[in-house]
Amino acid sequence: METAAESLVETDGPDSPRVAVVTGAGSGIGRAVAVELLAAGWSVALAGRRLETLEETAALAPLKEGAPLCVRTDVTSPEDVAALFGAVRERFGRLDLLFNNAGTFGPGGVPVEELPYDAWRHVVDTNLNGAFLCAQAAFRQMKEQDPRGGRIINNGSIAAHAPRPNSVAYTATKHALTGLTKSLSLDGRPYRIAVGQIDIGNAATDMTERMQSGILQANGELASEPVMDVADVARTVRHMAELPLEANVQFATVLATNMPYIGRG
């Protein structure tokens, strides 16, 4: 009988099985991307802090053979990350995509001089250290597997380009994530590991509900901001993911057309 690992050896063809890990898959952008990939025939491991929300995401997937793998994961924990990628290797035999999506904004609207160190550290641990740990684990697996290679897509943010008021921890980590993306992209070249970043602005999720009710602008005013369908983000990630490894979207910016980004500040 053919094993799962043997059946997933060849992955370069358009009809070959592809395996993805999506972190932060229990809600928002992570959930939308996971469902989009599942609908397109990918095998997907759903990672997040709460197993029940991962199972809710899995229930949204089209009914096909091969249920998603749900793994409770705290991306700030090296042990949890190692267990996640070990489970993926055991279940699927290889890894073709990591969507490095888990993140947190931290306490909103807190001036820098009042931001507790613990809050700063939590944002850094989640957004930056967690992304590094997952990318490192993905690198190890993608280098060792046959055929070698894969793709990593980091979820950056408009904040990787321009901050909102009182967002020092989130903005600092998202700027750092851009550096992580560039460095990983360079280091991945010898191993057919393509690394890119998607910077998202105002996708309609629970995290952005406050955008429509009024959010602080750079001039000190409160203003409602437009949002876009999170499905448009998911389709963009899928496009990036399904390119051949010889092509890479290094940076993509996807945002609600009329959000105040270009004119921010």
C-alpha atoms as a PDB file:
ATOM      1  CA  MET A   1       0.000   0.000   0.000  1.00  0.00           C
ATOM      2  CA  GLU A   2       1.327   3.451  -0.896  1.00  0.00           C
ATOM      3  CA  THR A   3       2.132   5.629   2.097  1.00  0.00           C
ATOM      4  CA  ALA A   4       1.149   9.284   2.433  1.00  0.00           C
ATOM      5  CA  ALA A   5       4.775  10.324   2.087  1.00  0.00           C
ATOM      6  CA  GLU A   6       5.248   8.270  -1.086  1.00  0.00           C
ATOM      7  CA  SER A   7       2.084   9.621  -2.670  1.00  0.00           C
ATOM      8  CA  LEU A   8       3.234  13.210  -2.163  1.00  0.00           C
ATOM      9  CA  VAL A   9       6.736  13.031  -3.584  1.00  0.00           C
ATOM     10  CA  GLU A  10       6.122  14.764  -6.892  1.00  0.00           C
ATOM     11  CA  THR A  11       4.620  18.219  -6.369  1.00  0.00           C
ATOM     12  CA  ASP A  12       5.757  20.282  -9.340  1.00  0.00           C
ATOM     13  CA  GLY A  13       2.834  19.406 -11.609  1.00  0.00           C
ATOM     14  CA  PRO A  14      -0.394  21.423 -11.638  1.00  0.00           C
ATOM     15  CA  ASP A  15      -2.434  18.449 -10.438  1.00  0.00           C
ATOM     16  CA  SER A  16      -0.009  17.263  -7.764  1.00  0.00           C
ATOM     17  CA  PRO A  17      -1.067  17.388  -4.094  1.00  0.00           C
ATOM     18  CA  ARG A  18       0.213  20.436  -2.266  1.00  0.00           C
ATOM     19  CA  VAL A  19       0.557  20.830   1.486  1.00  0.00           C
ATOM     20  CA  ALA A  20       0.213  24.097   3.407  1.00  0.00           C
ATOM     21  CA  VAL A  21       0.535  25.243   6.998  1.00  0.00           C
ATOM     22  CA  VAL A  22      -1.591  28.267   7.928  1.00  0.00           C
ATOM     23  CA  THR A  23      -0.938  29.850  11.312  1.00  0.00           C
ATOM     24  CA  GLY A  24      -3.596  31.944  12.992  1.00  0.00           C
ATOM     25  CA  ALA A  25      -6.109  29.807  11.095  1.00  0.00           C
ATOM     26  CA  GLY A  26      -8.877  30.046  13.670  1.00  0.00           C
ATOM     27  CA  SER A  27     -10.236  33.408  12.519  1.00  0.00           C
ATOM     28  CA  GLY A  28      -9.927  36.352  10.166  1.00  0.00           C
ATOM     29  CA  ILE A  29      -7.389  36.307   7.362  1.00  0.00           C
ATOM     30  CA  GLY A  30      -5.958  32.949   8.403  1.00  0.00           C
ATOM     31  CA  ARG A  31      -9.366  31.317   8.268  1.00  0.00           C
ATOM     32  CA  ALA A  32     -10.177  32.852   4.874  1.00  0.00           C
ATOM     33  CA  VAL A  33      -6.855  31.745   3.374  1.00  0.00           C
ATOM     34  CA  ALA A  34      -7.170  28.233   4.776  1.00  0.00           C
ATOM     35  CA  VAL A  35     -10.662  27.805   3.336  1.00  0.00           C
ATOM     36  CA  GLU A  36      -9.532  29.182  -0.037  1.00  0.00           C
ATOM     37  CA  LEU A  37      -6.624  26.733  -0.207  1.00  0.00           C
ATOM     38  CA  LEU A  38      -8.782  23.813   0.870  1.00  0.00           C
ATOM     39  CA  ALA A  39     -11.344  24.658  -1.810  1.00  0.00           C
ATOM     40  CA  ALA A  40      -8.519  24.646  -4.357  1.00  0.00           C
ATOM     41  CA  GLY A  41      -7.484  21.126  -3.394  1.00  0.00           C
ATOM     42  CA  TRP A  42      -4.601  21.836  -1.034  1.00  0.00           C
ATOM     43  CA  SER A  43      -3.987  19.688   2.028  1.00  0.00           C
ATOM     44  CA  VAL A  44      -3.876  22.157   4.914  1.00  0.00           C
ATOM     45  CA  ALA A  45      -2.672  22.086   8.505  1.00  0.00           C
ATOM     46  CA  LEU A  46      -4.543  24.633  10.603  1.00  0.00           C
ATOM     47  CA  ALA A  47      -2.534  26.079  13.484  1.00  0.00           C
ATOM     48  CA  GLY A  48      -3.764  28.353  16.252  1.00  0.00           C
ATOM     49  CA  ARG A  49      -4.066  28.768  19.993  1.00  0.00           C
ATOM     50  CA  ARG A  50      -7.634  27.439  20.296  1.00  0.00           C
ATOM     51  CA  LEU A  51      -8.518  24.025  18.946  1.00  0.00           C
ATOM     52  CA  GLU A  52     -12.236  24.794  18.862  1.00  0.00           C
ATOM     53  CA  THR A  53     -11.818  27.728  16.455  1.00  0.00           C
ATOM     54  CA  LEU A  54      -9.543  25.635  14.225  1.00  0.00           C
ATOM     55  CA  GLU A  55     -12.252  22.996  14.076  1.00  0.00           C
ATOM     56  CA  GLU A  56     -14.763  25.704  13.124  1.00  0.00           C
ATOM     57  CA  THR A  57     -12.476  26.686  10.245  1.00  0.00           C
ATOM     58  CA  ALA A  58     -12.169  23.048   9.189  1.00  0.00           C
ATOM     59  CA  ALA A  59     -15.973  22.763   9.154  1.00  0.00           C
ATOM     60  CA  LEU A  60     -16.148  25.589   6.575  1.00  0.00           C
ATOM     61  CA  ALA A  61     -14.037  23.652   4.090  1.00  0.00           C
ATOM     62  CA  PRO A  62     -15.660  21.847   1.146  1.00  0.00           C
ATOM     63  CA  LEU A  63     -16.384  18.194   1.862  1.00  0.00           C
ATOM     64  CA  LYS A  64     -13.509  16.369   0.212  1.00  0.00           C
ATOM     65  CA  GLU A  65     -11.264  13.453   1.014  1.00  0.00           C
ATOM     66  CA  GLY A  66      -8.613  14.328   3.564  1.00  0.00           C
ATOM     67  CA  ALA A  67      -9.856  16.521   6.402  1.00  0.00           C
ATOM     68  CA  PRO A  68      -7.647  19.441   7.461  1.00  0.00           C
ATOM     69  CA  LEU A  69      -5.161  18.765  10.227  1.00  0.00           C
ATOM     70  CA  CYS A  70      -5.905  20.912  13.284  1.00  0.00           C
ATOM     71  CA  VAL A  71      -2.961  21.510  15.632  1.00  0.00           C
ATOM     72  CA  ARG A  72      -3.213  23.686  18.731  1.00  0.00           C
ATOM     73  CA  THR A  73      -0.114  25.868  18.508  1.00  0.00           C
ATOM     74  CA  ASP A  74       1.316  28.827  20.369  1.00  0.00           C
ATOM     75  CA  VAL A  75       3.775  30.196  17.816  1.00  0.00           C
ATOM     76  CA  THR A  76       5.825  31.840  20.584  1.00  0.00           C
ATOM     77  CA  SER A  77       6.688  28.375  21.922  1.00  0.00           C
ATOM     78  CA  PRO A  78       9.588  26.561  20.187  1.00  0.00           C
ATOM     79  CA  GLU A  79       8.181  23.264  21.480  1.00  0.00           C
ATOM     80  CA  ASP A  80       4.716  23.936  20.029  1.00  0.00           C
ATOM     81  CA  VAL A  81       6.177  24.951  16.671  1.00  0.00           C
ATOM     82  CA  ALA A  82       8.341  21.832  16.526  1.00  0.00           C
ATOM     83  CA  ALA A  83       5.301  19.698  17.331  1.00  0.00           C
ATOM     84  CA  LEU A  84       3.267  21.420  14.601  1.00  0.00           C
ATOM     85  CA  PHE A  85       5.771  20.764  11.847  1.00  0.00           C
ATOM     86  CA  GLY A  86       6.399  17.254  13.134  1.00  0.00           C
ATOM     87  CA  ALA A  87       2.670  16.542  12.859  1.00  0.00           C
ATOM     88  CA  VAL A  88       2.634  17.919   9.315  1.00  0.00           C
ATOM     89  CA  ARG A  89       5.564  15.713   8.313  1.00  0.00           C
ATOM     90  CA  GLU A  90       3.912  12.650   9.837  1.00  0.00           C
ATOM     91  CA  ARG A  91       0.505  13.321   8.265  1.00  0.00           C
ATOM     92  CA  PHE A  92       1.438  14.604   4.819  1.00  0.00           C
ATOM     93  CA  GLY A  93       5.075  13.696   4.238  1.00  0.00           C
ATOM     94  CA  ARG A  94       6.139  17.117   2.937  1.00  0.00           C
ATOM     95  CA  LEU A  95       5.472  20.866   3.076  1.00  0.00           C
ATOM     96  CA  ASP A  96       4.929  23.178   0.104  1.00  0.00           C
ATOM     97  CA  LEU A  97       3.666  26.375   1.756  1.00  0.00           C
ATOM     98  CA  LEU A  98       3.825  28.189   5.054  1.00  0.00           C
ATOM     99  CA  PHE A  99       1.455  31.128   5.397  1.00  0.00           C
ATOM    100  CA  ASN A 100       3.015  32.891   8.386  1.00  0.00           C
ATOM    101  CA  ASN A 101      -0.094  34.707   9.531  1.00  0.00           C
ATOM    102  CA  ALA A 102      -0.395  34.531  13.336  1.00  0.00           C
ATOM    103  CA  GLY A 103      -0.169  37.967  14.907  1.00  0.00           C
ATOM    104  CA  THR A 104      -1.581  40.442  17.380  1.00  0.00           C
ATOM    105  CA  PHE A 105      -2.022  44.206  17.437  1.00  0.00           C
ATOM    106  CA  GLY A 106      -1.581  44.409  21.186  1.00  0.00           C
ATOM    107  CA  PRO A 107      -3.287  47.021  23.363  1.00  0.00           C
ATOM    108  CA  GLY A 108      -4.773  49.613  21.040  1.00  0.00           C
ATOM    109  CA  GLY A 109      -4.493  53.350  21.501  1.00  0.00           C
ATOM    110  CA  VAL A 110      -1.829  53.244  24.225  1.00  0.00           C
ATOM    111  CA  PRO A 111       0.777  56.026  24.001  1.00  0.00           C
ATOM    112  CA  VAL A 112       4.358  54.807  23.824  1.00  0.00           C
ATOM    113  CA  GLU A 113       5.233  56.239  27.229  1.00  0.00           C
ATOM    114  CA  GLU A 114       2.407  54.238  28.826  1.00  0.00           C
ATOM    115  CA  LEU A 115       2.886  50.924  27.012  1.00  0.00           C
ATOM    116  CA  PRO A 116       3.728  48.179  29.542  1.00  0.00           C
ATOM    117  CA  TYR A 117       6.859  46.202  28.729  1.00  0.00           C
ATOM    118  CA  ASP A 118       4.906  42.944  29.009  1.00  0.00           C
ATOM    119  CA  ALA A 119       2.545  44.163  26.281  1.00  0.00           C
ATOM    120  CA  TRP A 120       5.470  45.161  24.051  1.00  0.00           C
ATOM    121  CA  ARG A 121       7.102  41.783  24.614  1.00  0.00           C
ATOM    122  CA  HIS A 122       3.902  39.878  23.818  1.00  0.00           C
ATOM    123  CA  VAL A 123       3.558  41.630  20.452  1.00  0.00           C
ATOM    124  CA  VAL A 124       7.227  41.054  19.602  1.00  0.00           C
ATOM    125  CA  ASP A 125       7.065  37.402  20.652  1.00  0.00           C
ATOM    126  CA  THR A 126       3.961  36.746  18.568  1.00  0.00           C
ATOM    127  CA  ASN A 127       4.508  38.827  15.444  1.00  0.00           C
ATOM    128  CA  LEU A 128       8.275  38.510  15.026  1.00  0.00           C
ATOM    129  CA  ASN A 129       9.624  35.644  17.101  1.00  0.00           C
ATOM    130  CA  GLY A 130       6.670  33.432  16.178  1.00  0.00           C
ATOM    131  CA  ALA A 131       7.152  34.161  12.490  1.00  0.00           C
ATOM    132  CA  PHE A 132      10.848  33.337  12.788  1.00  0.00           C
ATOM    133  CA  LEU A 133      10.248  30.053  14.610  1.00  0.00           C
ATOM    134  CA  CYS A 134       7.719  28.889  12.008  1.00  0.00           C
ATOM    135  CA  ALA A 135       9.905  29.991   9.098  1.00  0.00           C
ATOM    136  CA  GLN A 136      12.909  28.230  10.622  1.00  0.00           C
ATOM    137  CA  ALA A 137      10.964  24.980  10.989  1.00  0.00           C
ATOM    138  CA  ALA A 138       9.634  25.301   7.438  1.00  0.00           C
ATOM    139  CA  PHE A 139      13.161  25.918   6.098  1.00  0.00           C
ATOM    140  CA  ARG A 140      14.439  22.779   7.757  1.00  0.00           C
ATOM    141  CA  GLN A 141      11.696  20.637   6.277  1.00  0.00           C
ATOM    142  CA  MET A 142      11.782  22.199   2.809  1.00  0.00           C
ATOM    143  CA  LYS A 143      15.573  21.725   2.570  1.00  0.00           C
ATOM    144  CA  GLU A 144      15.398  18.061   3.563  1.00  0.00           C
ATOM    145  CA  GLN A 145      12.415  16.880   1.513  1.00  0.00           C
ATOM    146  CA  ASP A 146      12.489  15.421  -1.978  1.00  0.00           C
ATOM    147  CA  PRO A 147      11.858  17.223  -4.221  1.00  0.00           C
ATOM    148  CA  ARG A 148      13.483  20.048  -2.286  1.00  0.00           C
ATOM    149  CA  GLY A 149      11.889  23.473  -1.882  1.00  0.00           C
ATOM    150  CA  GLY A 150       8.692  25.274  -1.031  1.00  0.00           C
ATOM    151  CA  ARG A 151       7.275  28.707  -0.375  1.00  0.00           C
ATOM    152  CA  ILE A 152       6.813  30.956   2.651  1.00  0.00           C
ATOM    153  CA  ILE A 153       4.412  33.897   2.602  1.00  0.00           C
ATOM    154  CA  ASN A 154       4.630  36.269   5.548  1.00  0.00           C
ATOM    155  CA  ASN A 155       1.631  38.368   6.516  1.00  0.00           C
ATOM    156  CA  GLY A 156       3.010  41.872   6.850  1.00  0.00           C
ATOM    157  CA  SER A 157       0.717  44.881   7.032  1.00  0.00           C
ATOM    158  CA  ILE A 158       0.245  48.399   5.781  1.00  0.00           C
ATOM    159  CA  ALA A 159       1.978  49.135   9.094  1.00  0.00           C
ATOM    160  CA  ALA A 160       5.133  47.676   7.538  1.00  0.00           C
ATOM    161  CA  HIS A 161       5.178  50.917   5.510  1.00  0.00           C
ATOM    162  CA  ALA A 162       3.417  53.569   7.611  1.00  0.00           C
ATOM    163  CA  PRO A 163       2.257  53.544  11.255  1.00  0.00           C
ATOM    164  CA  ARG A 164      -1.024  54.406  12.847  1.00  0.00           C
ATOM    165  CA  PRO A 165      -0.948  56.598  15.955  1.00  0.00           C
ATOM    166  CA  ASN A 166      -0.121  54.763  19.167  1.00  0.00           C
ATOM    167  CA  SER A 167       0.936  51.514  17.466  1.00  0.00           C
ATOM    168  CA  VAL A 168       4.642  51.345  18.263  1.00  0.00           C
ATOM    169  CA  ALA A 169       4.854  47.611  19.040  1.00  0.00           C
ATOM    170  CA  TYR A 170       2.775  46.468  16.083  1.00  0.00           C
ATOM    171  CA  THR A 171       4.493  48.821  13.645  1.00  0.00           C
ATOM    172  CA  ALA A 172       7.993  47.904  14.838  1.00  0.00           C
ATOM    173  CA  THR A 173       7.326  44.197  14.438  1.00  0.00           C
ATOM    174  CA  LYS A 174       5.815  44.603  10.992  1.00  0.00           C
ATOM    175  CA  HIS A 175       8.796  46.647   9.813  1.00  0.00           C
ATOM    176  CA  ALA A 176      11.020  43.903  11.226  1.00  0.00           C
ATOM    177  CA  LEU A 177       8.968  41.289   9.388  1.00  0.00           C
ATOM    178  CA  THR A 178       9.917  42.954   6.103  1.00  0.00           C
ATOM    179  CA  GLY A 179      13.574  42.469   7.003  1.00  0.00           C
ATOM    180  CA  LEU A 180      12.863  38.858   7.920  1.00  0.00           C
ATOM    181  CA  THR A 181      11.177  38.329   4.550  1.00  0.00           C
ATOM    182  CA  LYS A 182      14.104  39.778   2.615  1.00  0.00           C
ATOM    183  CA  SER A 183      16.689  37.774   4.537  1.00  0.00           C
ATOM    184  CA  LEU A 184      14.738  34.515   4.243  1.00  0.00           C
ATOM    185  CA  SER A 185      14.233  35.139   0.542  1.00  0.00           C
ATOM    186  CA  LEU A 186      17.974  35.479   0.008  1.00  0.00           C
ATOM    187  CA  ASP A 187      18.887  32.516   2.205  1.00  0.00           C
ATOM    188  CA  GLY A 188      16.271  30.332   0.524  1.00  0.00           C
ATOM    189  CA  ARG A 189      17.625  30.706  -3.007  1.00  0.00           C
ATOM    190  CA  PRO A 190      20.018  27.725  -2.937  1.00  0.00           C
ATOM    191  CA  TYR A 191      17.223  25.436  -1.738  1.00  0.00           C
ATOM    192  CA  ARG A 192      14.328  26.428  -4.041  1.00  0.00           C
ATOM    193  CA  ILE A 193      12.589  28.150  -1.128  1.00  0.00           C
ATOM    194  CA  ALA A 194      10.700  31.218  -2.350  1.00  0.00           C
ATOM    195  CA  VAL A 195       9.749  33.782   0.294  1.00  0.00           C
ATOM    196  CA  GLY A 196       7.372  36.715  -0.142  1.00  0.00           C
ATOM    197  CA  GLN A 197       5.200  39.034   1.890  1.00  0.00           C
ATOM    198  CA  ILE A 198       1.644  40.286   1.608  1.00  0.00           C
ATOM    199  CA  ASP A 199       0.868  43.672   3.175  1.00  0.00           C
ATOM    200  CA  ILE A 200      -2.832  43.949   3.888  1.00  0.00           C
ATOM    201  CA  GLY A 201      -4.894  47.042   4.591  1.00  0.00           C
ATOM    202  CA  ASN A 202      -8.384  46.975   6.109  1.00  0.00           C
ATOM    203  CA  ALA A 203      -9.605  43.488   5.270  1.00  0.00           C
ATOM    204  CA  ALA A 204     -13.042  43.041   6.866  1.00  0.00           C
ATOM    205  CA  THR A 205     -12.434  40.836   9.925  1.00  0.00           C
ATOM    206  CA  ASP A 206     -13.238  41.019  13.625  1.00  0.00           C
ATOM    207  CA  MET A 207      -9.905  42.796  14.103  1.00  0.00           C
ATOM    208  CA  THR A 208     -10.921  45.661  11.790  1.00  0.00           C
ATOM    209  CA  GLU A 209     -14.496  46.251  12.935  1.00  0.00           C
ATOM    210  CA  ARG A 210     -13.395  49.463  14.632  1.00  0.00           C
ATOM    211  CA  MET A 211     -12.266  50.864  11.262  1.00  0.00           C
ATOM    212  CA  GLN A 212     -15.858  51.409  10.205  1.00  0.00           C
ATOM    213  CA  SER A 213     -16.991  52.982  13.472  1.00  0.00           C
ATOM    214  CA  GLY A 214     -14.132  55.465  13.638  1.00  0.00           C
ATOM    215  CA  ILE A 215     -10.398  55.160  14.267  1.00  0.00           C
ATOM    216  CA  LEU A 216      -7.754  57.691  15.229  1.00  0.00           C
ATOM    217  CA  GLN A 217      -5.996  59.338  12.291  1.00  0.00           C
ATOM    218  CA  ALA A 218      -2.571  60.969  12.121  1.00  0.00           C
ATOM    219  CA  ASN A 219      -4.130  64.451  12.405  1.00  0.00           C
ATOM    220  CA  GLY A 220      -5.806  63.532  15.696  1.00  0.00           C
ATOM    221  CA  GLU A 221      -9.300  63.135  14.252  1.00  0.00           C
ATOM    222  CA  LEU A 222     -11.520  60.073  14.371  1.00  0.00           C
ATOM    223  CA  ALA A 223     -12.639  58.848  10.965  1.00  0.00           C
ATOM    224  CA  SER A 224     -14.432  55.842   9.525  1.00  0.00           C
ATOM    225  CA  GLU A 225     -12.336  53.878   7.034  1.00  0.00           C
ATOM    226  CA  PRO A 226     -13.465  51.624   4.184  1.00  0.00           C
ATOM    227  CA  VAL A 227     -12.775  47.897   4.324  1.00  0.00           C
ATOM    228  CA  MET A 228     -12.552  45.175   1.690  1.00  0.00           C
ATOM    229  CA  ASP A 229     -13.766  41.588   1.550  1.00  0.00           C
ATOM    230  CA  VAL A 230     -11.277  39.261   3.243  1.00  0.00           C
ATOM    231  CA  ALA A 231     -11.891  36.806   0.389  1.00  0.00           C
ATOM    232  CA  ASP A 232      -9.949  39.168  -1.885  1.00  0.00           C
ATOM    233  CA  VAL A 233      -6.937  38.720   0.386  1.00  0.00           C
ATOM    234  CA  ALA A 234      -7.349  34.947   0.338  1.00  0.00           C
ATOM    235  CA  ARG A 235      -7.409  34.858  -3.448  1.00  0.00           C
ATOM    236  CA  THR A 236      -4.244  36.954  -3.573  1.00  0.00           C
ATOM    237  CA  VAL A 237      -2.433  34.593  -1.206  1.00  0.00           C
ATOM    238  CA  ARG A 238      -3.547  31.633  -3.280  1.00  0.00           C
ATOM    239  CA  HIS A 239      -2.193  33.285  -6.447  1.00  0.00           C
ATOM    240  CA  MET A 240       1.167  33.851  -4.746  1.00  0.00           C
ATOM    241  CA  ALA A 241       1.169  30.293  -3.414  1.00  0.00           C
ATOM    242  CA  GLU A 242       0.409  28.602  -6.724  1.00  0.00           C
ATOM    243  CA  LEU A 243       3.160  30.226  -8.768  1.00  0.00           C
ATOM    244  CA  PRO A 244       5.962  27.883  -9.818  1.00  0.00           C
ATOM    245  CA  LEU A 245       8.972  28.135  -7.515  1.00  0.00           C
ATOM    246  CA  GLU A 246      10.862  29.815 -10.330  1.00  0.00           C
ATOM    247  CA  ALA A 247       8.573  32.861  -9.866  1.00  0.00           C
ATOM    248  CA  ASN A 248       7.962  34.850  -6.709  1.00  0.00           C
ATOM    249  CA  VAL A 249       5.804  37.766  -5.617  1.00  0.00           C
ATOM    250  CA  GLN A 250       8.339  39.408  -3.326  1.00  0.00           C
ATOM    251  CA  PHE A 251       5.915  41.992  -1.910  1.00  0.00           C
ATOM    252  CA  ALA A 252       2.208  42.449  -2.579  1.00  0.00           C
ATOM    253  CA  THR A 253       0.079  45.257  -1.134  1.00  0.00           C
ATOM    254  CA  VAL A 254      -3.654  44.565  -1.042  1.00  0.00           C
ATOM    255  CA  LEU A 255      -5.916  47.158   0.528  1.00  0.00           C
ATOM    256  CA  ALA A 256      -9.335  48.725   0.520  1.00  0.00           C
ATOM    257  CA  THR A 257      -9.086  51.121  -2.423  1.00  0.00           C
ATOM    258  CA  ASN A 258     -10.046  54.278  -0.557  1.00  0.00           C
ATOM    259  CA  MET A 259      -8.392  53.670   2.809  1.00  0.00           C
ATOM    260  CA  PRO A 260      -6.110  56.499   3.944  1.00  0.00           C
ATOM    261  CA  TYR A 261      -2.803  54.766   3.320  1.00  0.00           C
ATOM    262  CA  ILE A 262      -0.997  56.730   0.598  1.00  0.00           C
ATOM    263  CA  GLY A 263      -2.047  59.926   2.353  1.00  0.00           C
ATOM    264  CA  ARG A 264      -1.556  58.647   5.885  1.00  0.00           C
ATOM    265  CA  GLY A 265       0.203  61.278   7.966  1.00  0.00           C
END
